[in-house]
Structure formats: C-alpha cells, structure tokens
Amino acid sequence: MSTDIQGLLKSLGEQLERLGVEHGIADNAAVVVLPGKKKLKTVVGLIPAPDSLRVEAFVCRAVEENHEAVYKWLLQRNRRLFGIGYTIDAAGDIYLVGQLPAQLADDDLDRLLGQLLETADGDFNQILERGFASAIKREWEWRVDRGENLANLEQFRHMVE
C-alpha cells in the first residue's frame, strides 16, 4: 500500500471517527457497516485513490427471475440518485457505486453514507419483490404448511393474498 493511500485512509478513518461511524480498514479500503430496517445491514467500502474516492455497497445477490424488469427498475432509479448509482457485477449481484472527489467534507461524507443507507434499505424489498417473487411465495407456503413463524415475511403478505 503506497504512502499516499495510507495517508488518505488515515484521514478517512479520522473523518469517520468524527462522524461517530464505526469502521475498519481492510484491503486498502475503509469498511463501514450501516444498520438498516428492511435490509438488516449494508456493507460499504470506501476506497481512496490519489484523485478520487470510490464507494461500493453490496445491495442484493443476483436475482432469480424477472431480470429485465429488475434491471429496468434499477436504471430508472439511477435517474433519481445523486453521486451513486446501481450496477451489477459479473455474477449479477447488485451494488451501489460512486466515484467522488478524493476528499469530502465531513457533511458530504455523512450525506453520502446517509444516501447509501436510505437507498439500499429503502429499495431492498422492491428488488426482492421483482427478482425473487417465486421464492418468496414458496417460502411463505412452506412456513404456513409447517406452522412456522412468518414474522420476517410479513412485509410480503400482499404477494400471497
């Protein structure tokens, strides 16, 4: 790891501490875990370079069905996002990514983390409904047949009624 990147990581770590954000350093990145409600946690990598800060946040594994509708929805959603956007990797897993100035003011970094959390958490169920509808319905039926708890599926009740 070059000295420049070490310095940028140190500075980024200090910023995150000032903001009260728990983080760790791994593989030339600051790693932050943001707690959510629909998506229990969003893992964010902040990857500094001399001239930019790359941000990557895993949102959801590759969808099982309805690919075209999911990707269309993600692209349309990108129009309303600032500084970040949806993408997929070679396996089809869904991420939020952004390329920003190398150094952000504390308020801007806080706003970025807030938008990442709000977007990943807020969009999570819509992605699941579009890309995993059959699996959700099968899981619901399986649990009902066996008298299992439906608590973490209640948000999808409208899909099975």
C-alpha atoms as a PDB file:
ATOM      1  CA  MET A   1       0.000   0.000   0.000  1.00  0.00           C
ATOM      2  CA  SER A   2       1.532   3.316  -1.019  1.00  0.00           C
ATOM      3  CA  THR A   3       2.166   6.067   1.479  1.00  0.00           C
ATOM      4  CA  ASP A   4      -0.359   8.308  -0.305  1.00  0.00           C
ATOM      5  CA  ILE A   5      -3.122   5.732   0.078  1.00  0.00           C
ATOM      6  CA  GLN A   6      -2.133   5.127   3.715  1.00  0.00           C
ATOM      7  CA  GLY A   7      -2.468   8.851   4.374  1.00  0.00           C
ATOM      8  CA  LEU A   8      -5.829   9.017   2.632  1.00  0.00           C
ATOM      9  CA  LEU A   9      -7.073   6.006   4.611  1.00  0.00           C
ATOM     10  CA  LYS A  10      -5.883   7.577   7.859  1.00  0.00           C
ATOM     11  CA  SER A  11      -7.645  10.831   7.010  1.00  0.00           C
ATOM     12  CA  LEU A  12     -10.807   8.959   6.015  1.00  0.00           C
ATOM     13  CA  GLY A  13     -10.699   6.986   9.272  1.00  0.00           C
ATOM     14  CA  GLU A  14     -10.401  10.220  11.260  1.00  0.00           C
ATOM     15  CA  GLN A  15     -13.408  11.637   9.410  1.00  0.00           C
ATOM     16  CA  LEU A  16     -15.471   8.556  10.152  1.00  0.00           C
ATOM     17  CA  GLU A  17     -14.489   8.801  13.829  1.00  0.00           C
ATOM     18  CA  ARG A  18     -15.579  12.461  13.932  1.00  0.00           C
ATOM     19  CA  LEU A  19     -18.912  11.386  12.454  1.00  0.00           C
ATOM     20  CA  GLY A  20     -19.256   8.602  15.027  1.00  0.00           C
ATOM     21  CA  VAL A  21     -19.288   5.898  12.341  1.00  0.00           C
ATOM     22  CA  GLU A  22     -17.792   2.534  13.275  1.00  0.00           C
ATOM     23  CA  HIS A  23     -15.385   1.313  10.638  1.00  0.00           C
ATOM     24  CA  GLY A  24     -12.414  -0.886   9.905  1.00  0.00           C
ATOM     25  CA  ILE A  25      -9.573  -0.842   7.396  1.00  0.00           C
ATOM     26  CA  ALA A  26      -9.168  -3.810   5.029  1.00  0.00           C
ATOM     27  CA  ASP A  27      -7.630  -4.230   1.576  1.00  0.00           C
ATOM     28  CA  ASN A  28      -6.889  -0.516   1.028  1.00  0.00           C
ATOM     29  CA  ALA A  29     -10.449   0.469   1.949  1.00  0.00           C
ATOM     30  CA  ALA A  30     -12.376   1.809   4.891  1.00  0.00           C
ATOM     31  CA  VAL A  31     -15.254  -0.588   5.569  1.00  0.00           C
ATOM     32  CA  VAL A  32     -18.439   0.655   7.203  1.00  0.00           C
ATOM     33  CA  VAL A  33     -21.474  -1.421   8.197  1.00  0.00           C
ATOM     34  CA  LEU A  34     -24.672   0.640   8.127  1.00  0.00           C
ATOM     35  CA  PRO A  35     -27.636  -0.786  10.078  1.00  0.00           C
ATOM     36  CA  GLY A  36     -30.978  -0.882   8.279  1.00  0.00           C
ATOM     37  CA  LYS A  37     -34.563  -1.924   8.828  1.00  0.00           C
ATOM     38  CA  LYS A  38     -35.587  -3.793   5.671  1.00  0.00           C
ATOM     39  CA  LYS A  39     -32.049  -4.770   4.722  1.00  0.00           C
ATOM     40  CA  LEU A  40     -30.527  -5.558   8.104  1.00  0.00           C
ATOM     41  CA  LYS A  41     -27.126  -4.148   7.194  1.00  0.00           C
ATOM     42  CA  THR A  42     -25.374  -2.531   4.259  1.00  0.00           C
ATOM     43  CA  VAL A  43     -21.621  -3.066   3.990  1.00  0.00           C
ATOM     44  CA  VAL A  44     -19.891  -0.095   2.368  1.00  0.00           C
ATOM     45  CA  GLY A  45     -16.343   0.049   1.052  1.00  0.00           C
ATOM     46  CA  LEU A  46     -14.759   3.488   0.784  1.00  0.00           C
ATOM     47  CA  ILE A  47     -11.738   3.081  -1.482  1.00  0.00           C
ATOM     48  CA  PRO A  48      -9.424   6.092  -1.686  1.00  0.00           C
ATOM     49  CA  ALA A  49      -7.160   6.880  -4.628  1.00  0.00           C
ATOM     50  CA  PRO A  50      -4.951   9.948  -5.097  1.00  0.00           C
ATOM     51  CA  ASP A  51      -7.592  11.693  -7.214  1.00  0.00           C
ATOM     52  CA  SER A  52     -10.885  10.080  -6.188  1.00  0.00           C
ATOM     53  CA  LEU A  53     -12.895   8.193  -3.598  1.00  0.00           C
ATOM     54  CA  ARG A  54     -14.717   5.125  -4.875  1.00  0.00           C
ATOM     55  CA  VAL A  55     -17.683   3.848  -2.913  1.00  0.00           C
ATOM     56  CA  GLU A  56     -19.146   0.358  -3.255  1.00  0.00           C
ATOM     57  CA  ALA A  57     -22.059  -1.080  -1.293  1.00  0.00           C
ATOM     58  CA  PHE A  58     -23.478  -4.573  -1.749  1.00  0.00           C
ATOM     59  CA  VAL A  59     -27.268  -4.448  -2.022  1.00  0.00           C
ATOM     60  CA  CYS A  60     -28.526  -7.865  -3.133  1.00  0.00           C
ATOM     61  CA  ARG A  61     -27.371 -11.137  -4.665  1.00  0.00           C
ATOM     62  CA  ALA A  62     -28.227 -11.847  -8.290  1.00  0.00           C
ATOM     63  CA  VAL A  63     -31.965 -12.006  -8.848  1.00  0.00           C
ATOM     64  CA  GLU A  64     -33.527 -15.348  -9.754  1.00  0.00           C
ATOM     65  CA  GLU A  65     -36.252 -14.135 -12.113  1.00  0.00           C
ATOM     66  CA  ASN A  66     -37.684 -11.160 -13.930  1.00  0.00           C
ATOM     67  CA  HIS A  67     -34.189  -9.900 -14.775  1.00  0.00           C
ATOM     68  CA  GLU A  68     -35.242  -7.389 -17.416  1.00  0.00           C
ATOM     69  CA  ALA A  69     -37.821  -5.740 -15.155  1.00  0.00           C
ATOM     70  CA  VAL A  70     -35.355  -5.571 -12.247  1.00  0.00           C
ATOM     71  CA  TYR A  71     -32.591  -4.039 -14.370  1.00  0.00           C
ATOM     72  CA  LYS A  72     -35.021  -1.574 -15.953  1.00  0.00           C
ATOM     73  CA  TRP A  73     -36.209  -0.524 -12.498  1.00  0.00           C
ATOM     74  CA  LEU A  74     -32.593  -0.088 -11.295  1.00  0.00           C
ATOM     75  CA  LEU A  75     -31.704   2.047 -14.322  1.00  0.00           C
ATOM     76  CA  GLN A  76     -34.784   4.207 -13.834  1.00  0.00           C
ATOM     77  CA  ARG A  77     -33.942   4.506 -10.141  1.00  0.00           C
ATOM     78  CA  ASN A  78     -30.450   5.763 -11.063  1.00  0.00           C
ATOM     79  CA  ARG A  79     -32.040   8.904 -12.540  1.00  0.00           C
ATOM     80  CA  ARG A  80     -33.133   9.997  -9.063  1.00  0.00           C
ATOM     81  CA  LEU A  81     -29.885   9.264  -7.212  1.00  0.00           C
ATOM     82  CA  PHE A  82     -27.103  11.750  -6.528  1.00  0.00           C
ATOM     83  CA  GLY A  83     -23.450  10.710  -6.547  1.00  0.00           C
ATOM     84  CA  ILE A  84     -24.205   6.976  -6.565  1.00  0.00           C
ATOM     85  CA  GLY A  85     -25.891   4.549  -8.921  1.00  0.00           C
ATOM     86  CA  TYR A  86     -26.853   0.921  -9.246  1.00  0.00           C
ATOM     87  CA  THR A  87     -24.687  -1.578 -11.103  1.00  0.00           C
ATOM     88  CA  ILE A  88     -24.262  -5.335 -11.309  1.00  0.00           C
ATOM     89  CA  ASP A  89     -21.084  -7.404 -11.220  1.00  0.00           C
ATOM     90  CA  ALA A  90     -20.169 -10.353 -13.453  1.00  0.00           C
ATOM     91  CA  ALA A  91     -22.239 -12.702 -11.246  1.00  0.00           C
ATOM     92  CA  GLY A  92     -25.277 -10.395 -11.428  1.00  0.00           C
ATOM     93  CA  ASP A  93     -25.028  -9.237  -7.802  1.00  0.00           C
ATOM     94  CA  ILE A  94     -26.422  -5.724  -7.295  1.00  0.00           C
ATOM     95  CA  TYR A  95     -24.306  -2.887  -5.890  1.00  0.00           C
ATOM     96  CA  LEU A  96     -24.496   0.832  -5.337  1.00  0.00           C
ATOM     97  CA  VAL A  97     -21.327   2.548  -6.565  1.00  0.00           C
ATOM     98  CA  GLY A  98     -19.967   6.050  -6.913  1.00  0.00           C
ATOM     99  CA  GLN A  99     -16.803   7.894  -7.876  1.00  0.00           C
ATOM    100  CA  LEU A 100     -16.344  11.101  -5.909  1.00  0.00           C
ATOM    101  CA  PRO A 101     -13.638  13.681  -5.175  1.00  0.00           C
ATOM    102  CA  ALA A 102     -10.693  12.266  -3.212  1.00  0.00           C
ATOM    103  CA  GLN A 103     -11.547  14.240  -0.106  1.00  0.00           C
ATOM    104  CA  LEU A 104     -15.032  15.084   1.073  1.00  0.00           C
ATOM    105  CA  ALA A 105     -16.076  17.492   3.802  1.00  0.00           C
ATOM    106  CA  ASP A 106     -17.500  15.773   6.884  1.00  0.00           C
ATOM    107  CA  ASP A 107     -21.033  16.880   5.962  1.00  0.00           C
ATOM    108  CA  ASP A 108     -20.653  15.482   2.441  1.00  0.00           C
ATOM    109  CA  LEU A 109     -19.346  12.130   3.697  1.00  0.00           C
ATOM    110  CA  ASP A 110     -22.223  11.956   6.182  1.00  0.00           C
ATOM    111  CA  ARG A 111     -24.695  12.762   3.395  1.00  0.00           C
ATOM    112  CA  LEU A 112     -23.125  10.083   1.167  1.00  0.00           C
ATOM    113  CA  LEU A 113     -23.412   7.407   3.866  1.00  0.00           C
ATOM    114  CA  GLY A 114     -26.980   8.501   4.567  1.00  0.00           C
ATOM    115  CA  GLN A 115     -27.933   8.246   0.917  1.00  0.00           C
ATOM    116  CA  LEU A 116     -26.312   4.817   0.618  1.00  0.00           C
ATOM    117  CA  LEU A 117     -28.251   3.561   3.634  1.00  0.00           C
ATOM    118  CA  GLU A 118     -31.534   5.158   2.607  1.00  0.00           C
ATOM    119  CA  THR A 119     -31.249   3.821  -0.941  1.00  0.00           C
ATOM    120  CA  ALA A 120     -30.111   0.268  -0.136  1.00  0.00           C
ATOM    121  CA  ASP A 121     -32.566  -0.108   2.744  1.00  0.00           C
ATOM    122  CA  GLY A 122     -35.453   1.664   1.025  1.00  0.00           C
ATOM    123  CA  ASP A 123     -35.147  -0.203  -2.285  1.00  0.00           C
ATOM    124  CA  PHE A 124     -34.353  -3.643  -0.885  1.00  0.00           C
ATOM    125  CA  ASN A 125     -37.891  -5.033  -0.658  1.00  0.00           C
ATOM    126  CA  GLN A 126     -38.795  -3.710  -4.111  1.00  0.00           C
ATOM    127  CA  ILE A 127     -35.808  -5.557  -5.577  1.00  0.00           C
ATOM    128  CA  LEU A 128     -36.803  -8.734  -3.710  1.00  0.00           C
ATOM    129  CA  GLU A 129     -40.418  -8.488  -4.876  1.00  0.00           C
ATOM    130  CA  ARG A 130     -39.346  -8.143  -8.504  1.00  0.00           C
ATOM    131  CA  GLY A 131     -36.458 -10.596  -8.544  1.00  0.00           C
ATOM    132  CA  PHE A 132     -37.441 -13.267  -6.018  1.00  0.00           C
ATOM    133  CA  ALA A 133     -41.265 -13.365  -6.127  1.00  0.00           C
ATOM    134  CA  SER A 134     -41.481 -17.118  -6.708  1.00  0.00           C
ATOM    135  CA  ALA A 135     -39.016 -17.879  -3.910  1.00  0.00           C
ATOM    136  CA  ILE A 136     -40.892 -15.609  -1.506  1.00  0.00           C
ATOM    137  CA  LYS A 137     -44.194 -17.331  -2.325  1.00  0.00           C
ATOM    138  CA  ARG A 138     -42.649 -20.804  -1.952  1.00  0.00           C
ATOM    139  CA  GLU A 139     -41.104 -19.849   1.400  1.00  0.00           C
ATOM    140  CA  TRP A 140     -44.431 -18.420   2.606  1.00  0.00           C
ATOM    141  CA  GLU A 141     -46.302 -21.604   1.653  1.00  0.00           C
ATOM    142  CA  TRP A 142     -43.628 -23.817   3.218  1.00  0.00           C
ATOM    143  CA  ARG A 143     -43.813 -21.924   6.503  1.00  0.00           C
ATOM    144  CA  VAL A 144     -47.629 -21.896   6.566  1.00  0.00           C
ATOM    145  CA  ASP A 145     -47.762 -25.653   5.849  1.00  0.00           C
ATOM    146  CA  ARG A 146     -45.403 -26.336   8.765  1.00  0.00           C
ATOM    147  CA  GLY A 147     -46.778 -23.733  11.159  1.00  0.00           C
ATOM    148  CA  GLU A 148     -43.502 -21.794  11.065  1.00  0.00           C
ATOM    149  CA  ASN A 149     -43.096 -18.152  12.045  1.00  0.00           C
ATOM    150  CA  LEU A 150     -43.896 -15.642   9.275  1.00  0.00           C
ATOM    151  CA  ALA A 151     -42.586 -12.545  11.064  1.00  0.00           C
ATOM    152  CA  ASN A 152     -39.760 -11.711   8.677  1.00  0.00           C
ATOM    153  CA  LEU A 153     -42.010 -12.351   5.654  1.00  0.00           C
ATOM    154  CA  GLU A 154     -44.958 -10.203   6.802  1.00  0.00           C
ATOM    155  CA  GLN A 155     -43.798  -7.325   4.602  1.00  0.00           C
ATOM    156  CA  PHE A 156     -44.531  -9.597   1.607  1.00  0.00           C
ATOM    157  CA  ARG A 157     -48.021 -10.722   2.688  1.00  0.00           C
ATOM    158  CA  HIS A 158     -49.584  -8.710  -0.160  1.00  0.00           C
ATOM    159  CA  MET A 159     -47.795 -11.004  -2.642  1.00  0.00           C
ATOM    160  CA  VAL A 160     -49.524 -14.157  -1.398  1.00  0.00           C
ATOM    161  CA  GLU A 161     -53.054 -12.937  -0.651  1.00  0.00           C
END
